[in-house]
Amino acid sequence: MKITLLDGGLGQELVKRSSAPPHPLWSTKVMLDEPHL
């Protein structure tokens, strides 16, 4: 198993690049749906 820690700056960048609207579990959703980001 690989664990990845994301800081606040990276989290904001994922929100900006993601094609999906914000979601309560947005960071998990982005990692599952758009791992290439």
PDB file of N, CA and C in Angstrom:
ATOM      1  N   MET A   1       0.843  -1.164   0.000  1.00  0.00           N
ATOM      2  CA  MET A   1       0.000   0.000   0.000  1.00  0.00           C
ATOM      3  C   MET A   1       0.897   1.239   0.000  1.00  0.00           C
ATOM      4  N   LYS A   2       0.495   2.252  -0.775  1.00  0.00           N
ATOM      5  CA  LYS A   2       1.247   3.498  -0.863  1.00  0.00           C
ATOM      6  C   LYS A   2       0.409   4.622  -0.264  1.00  0.00           C
ATOM      7  N   ILE A   3       0.985   5.393   0.633  1.00  0.00           N
ATOM      8  CA  ILE A   3       0.290   6.513   1.265  1.00  0.00           C
ATOM      9  C   ILE A   3       0.855   7.812   0.695  1.00  0.00           C
ATOM     10  N   THR A   4      -0.039   8.705   0.287  1.00  0.00           N
ATOM     11  CA  THR A   4       0.360  10.002  -0.236  1.00  0.00           C
ATOM     12  C   THR A   4      -0.257  11.094   0.620  1.00  0.00           C
ATOM     13  N   LEU A   5       0.562  12.005   1.122  1.00  0.00           N
ATOM     14  CA  LEU A   5       0.072  13.141   1.903  1.00  0.00           C
ATOM     15  C   LEU A   5       0.025  14.366   1.000  1.00  0.00           C
ATOM     16  N   LEU A   6      -1.099  15.064   1.020  1.00  0.00           N
ATOM     17  CA  LEU A   6      -1.259  16.261   0.204  1.00  0.00           C
ATOM     18  C   LEU A   6      -1.316  17.484   1.104  1.00  0.00           C
ATOM     19  N   ASP A   7      -0.575  18.525   0.746  1.00  0.00           N
ATOM     20  CA  ASP A   7      -0.640  19.749   1.543  1.00  0.00           C
ATOM     21  C   ASP A   7      -1.757  20.648   1.017  1.00  0.00           C
ATOM     22  N   GLY A   8      -2.035  21.727   1.716  1.00  0.00           N
ATOM     23  CA  GLY A   8      -3.124  22.628   1.335  1.00  0.00           C
ATOM     24  C   GLY A   8      -2.943  23.230  -0.046  1.00  0.00           C
ATOM     25  N   GLY A   9      -1.733  23.602  -0.400  1.00  0.00           N
ATOM     26  CA  GLY A   9      -1.482  24.182  -1.719  1.00  0.00           C
ATOM     27  C   GLY A   9      -1.797  23.211  -2.840  1.00  0.00           C
ATOM     28  N   LEU A  10      -1.411  21.962  -2.680  1.00  0.00           N
ATOM     29  CA  LEU A  10      -1.708  20.951  -3.693  1.00  0.00           C
ATOM     30  C   LEU A  10      -3.199  20.688  -3.757  1.00  0.00           C
ATOM     31  N   GLY A  11      -3.858  20.701  -2.614  1.00  0.00           N
ATOM     32  CA  GLY A  11      -5.303  20.494  -2.588  1.00  0.00           C
ATOM     33  C   GLY A  11      -6.037  21.555  -3.386  1.00  0.00           C
ATOM     34  N   GLN A  12      -5.621  22.812  -3.250  1.00  0.00           N
ATOM     35  CA  GLN A  12      -6.256  23.896  -4.007  1.00  0.00           C
ATOM     36  C   GLN A  12      -6.001  23.741  -5.505  1.00  0.00           C
ATOM     37  N   GLU A  13      -4.831  23.262  -5.860  1.00  0.00           N
ATOM     38  CA  GLU A  13      -4.515  23.036  -7.272  1.00  0.00           C
ATOM     39  C   GLU A  13      -5.390  21.926  -7.845  1.00  0.00           C
ATOM     40  N   LEU A  14      -5.647  20.876  -7.066  1.00  0.00           N
ATOM     41  CA  LEU A  14      -6.537  19.803  -7.526  1.00  0.00           C
ATOM     42  C   LEU A  14      -7.951  20.319  -7.751  1.00  0.00           C
ATOM     43  N   VAL A  15      -8.431  21.182  -6.862  1.00  0.00           N
ATOM     44  CA  VAL A  15      -9.766  21.763  -7.025  1.00  0.00           C
ATOM     45  C   VAL A  15      -9.811  22.568  -8.321  1.00  0.00           C
ATOM     46  N   LYS A  16      -8.762  23.329  -8.584  1.00  0.00           N
ATOM     47  CA  LYS A  16      -8.716  24.171  -9.783  1.00  0.00           C
ATOM     48  C   LYS A  16      -8.702  23.330 -11.064  1.00  0.00           C
ATOM     49  N   ARG A  17      -7.952  22.223 -11.066  1.00  0.00           N
ATOM     50  CA  ARG A  17      -7.796  21.405 -12.275  1.00  0.00           C
ATOM     51  C   ARG A  17      -8.915  20.398 -12.493  1.00  0.00           C
ATOM     52  N   SER A  18      -9.610  20.031 -11.461  1.00  0.00           N
ATOM     53  CA  SER A  18     -10.631  18.988 -11.566  1.00  0.00           C
ATOM     54  C   SER A  18     -11.814  19.460 -12.400  1.00  0.00           C
ATOM     55  N   SER A  19     -12.362  18.541 -13.185  1.00  0.00           N
ATOM     56  CA  SER A  19     -13.535  18.861 -14.005  1.00  0.00           C
ATOM     57  C   SER A  19     -14.829  18.701 -13.211  1.00  0.00           C
ATOM     58  N   ALA A  20     -14.749  18.098 -12.036  1.00  0.00           N
ATOM     59  CA  ALA A  20     -15.939  17.852 -11.214  1.00  0.00           C
ATOM     60  C   ALA A  20     -16.207  19.040 -10.288  1.00  0.00           C
ATOM     61  N   PRO A  21     -17.481  19.302  -9.983  1.00  0.00           N
ATOM     62  CA  PRO A  21     -17.797  20.366  -9.024  1.00  0.00           C
ATOM     63  C   PRO A  21     -17.342  19.967  -7.615  1.00  0.00           C
ATOM     64  N   PRO A  22     -17.147  20.938  -6.730  1.00  0.00           N
ATOM     65  CA  PRO A  22     -16.718  20.620  -5.357  1.00  0.00           C
ATOM     66  C   PRO A  22     -17.671  19.638  -4.665  1.00  0.00           C
ATOM     67  N   HIS A  23     -17.117  18.775  -3.853  1.00  0.00           N
ATOM     68  CA  HIS A  23     -17.841  17.707  -3.172  1.00  0.00           C
ATOM     69  C   HIS A  23     -17.289  17.636  -1.747  1.00  0.00           C
ATOM     70  N   PRO A  24     -18.096  17.262  -0.741  1.00  0.00           N
ATOM     71  CA  PRO A  24     -17.572  17.189   0.632  1.00  0.00           C
ATOM     72  C   PRO A  24     -16.302  16.340   0.761  1.00  0.00           C
ATOM     73  N   LEU A  25     -16.179  15.312  -0.037  1.00  0.00           N
ATOM     74  CA  LEU A  25     -14.977  14.470  -0.017  1.00  0.00           C
ATOM     75  C   LEU A  25     -14.192  14.674  -1.308  1.00  0.00           C
ATOM     76  N   TRP A  26     -14.042  15.932  -1.728  1.00  0.00           N
ATOM     77  CA  TRP A  26     -13.470  16.236  -3.032  1.00  0.00           C
ATOM     78  C   TRP A  26     -12.085  15.652  -3.239  1.00  0.00           C
ATOM     79  N   SER A  27     -11.228  15.691  -2.242  1.00  0.00           N
ATOM     80  CA  SER A  27      -9.866  15.196  -2.450  1.00  0.00           C
ATOM     81  C   SER A  27      -9.849  13.697  -2.710  1.00  0.00           C
ATOM     82  N   THR A  28     -10.656  12.958  -1.998  1.00  0.00           N
ATOM     83  CA  THR A  28     -10.756  11.514  -2.231  1.00  0.00           C
ATOM     84  C   THR A  28     -11.346  11.247  -3.600  1.00  0.00           C
ATOM     85  N   LYS A  29     -12.378  11.996  -3.953  1.00  0.00           N
ATOM     86  CA  LYS A  29     -13.039  11.815  -5.243  1.00  0.00           C
ATOM     87  C   LYS A  29     -12.081  12.109  -6.400  1.00  0.00           C
ATOM     88  N   VAL A  30     -11.284  13.160  -6.284  1.00  0.00           N
ATOM     89  CA  VAL A  30     -10.319  13.486  -7.335  1.00  0.00           C
ATOM     90  C   VAL A  30      -9.287  12.369  -7.468  1.00  0.00           C
ATOM     91  N   MET A  31      -8.775  11.873  -6.348  1.00  0.00           N
ATOM     92  CA  MET A  31      -7.771  10.805  -6.409  1.00  0.00           C
ATOM     93  C   MET A  31      -8.328   9.545  -7.056  1.00  0.00           C
ATOM     94  N   LEU A  32      -9.592   9.238  -6.813  1.00  0.00           N
ATOM     95  CA  LEU A  32     -10.197   8.041  -7.397  1.00  0.00           C
ATOM     96  C   LEU A  32     -10.600   8.247  -8.855  1.00  0.00           C
ATOM     97  N   ASP A  33     -11.201   9.396  -9.165  1.00  0.00           N
ATOM     98  CA  ASP A  33     -11.752   9.633 -10.497  1.00  0.00           C
ATOM     99  C   ASP A  33     -10.755  10.225 -11.489  1.00  0.00           C
ATOM    100  N   GLU A  34      -9.774  10.977 -11.003  1.00  0.00           N
ATOM    101  CA  GLU A  34      -8.833  11.666 -11.887  1.00  0.00           C
ATOM    102  C   GLU A  34      -7.396  11.525 -11.369  1.00  0.00           C
ATOM    103  N   PRO A  35      -6.884  10.302 -11.267  1.00  0.00           N
ATOM    104  CA  PRO A  35      -5.551  10.105 -10.685  1.00  0.00           C
ATOM    105  C   PRO A  35      -4.427  10.759 -11.491  1.00  0.00           C
ATOM    106  N   HIS A  36      -4.673  11.067 -12.759  1.00  0.00           N
ATOM    107  CA  HIS A  36      -3.644  11.693 -13.594  1.00  0.00           C
ATOM    108  C   HIS A  36      -3.337  13.131 -13.177  1.00  0.00           C
ATOM    109  N   LEU A  37      -4.231  13.757 -12.400  1.00  0.00           N
ATOM    110  CA  LEU A  37      -3.978  15.131 -11.951  1.00  0.00           C
ATOM    111  C   LEU A  37      -2.898  15.123 -10.903  1.00  0.00           C
TER     112      LEU A  37
END
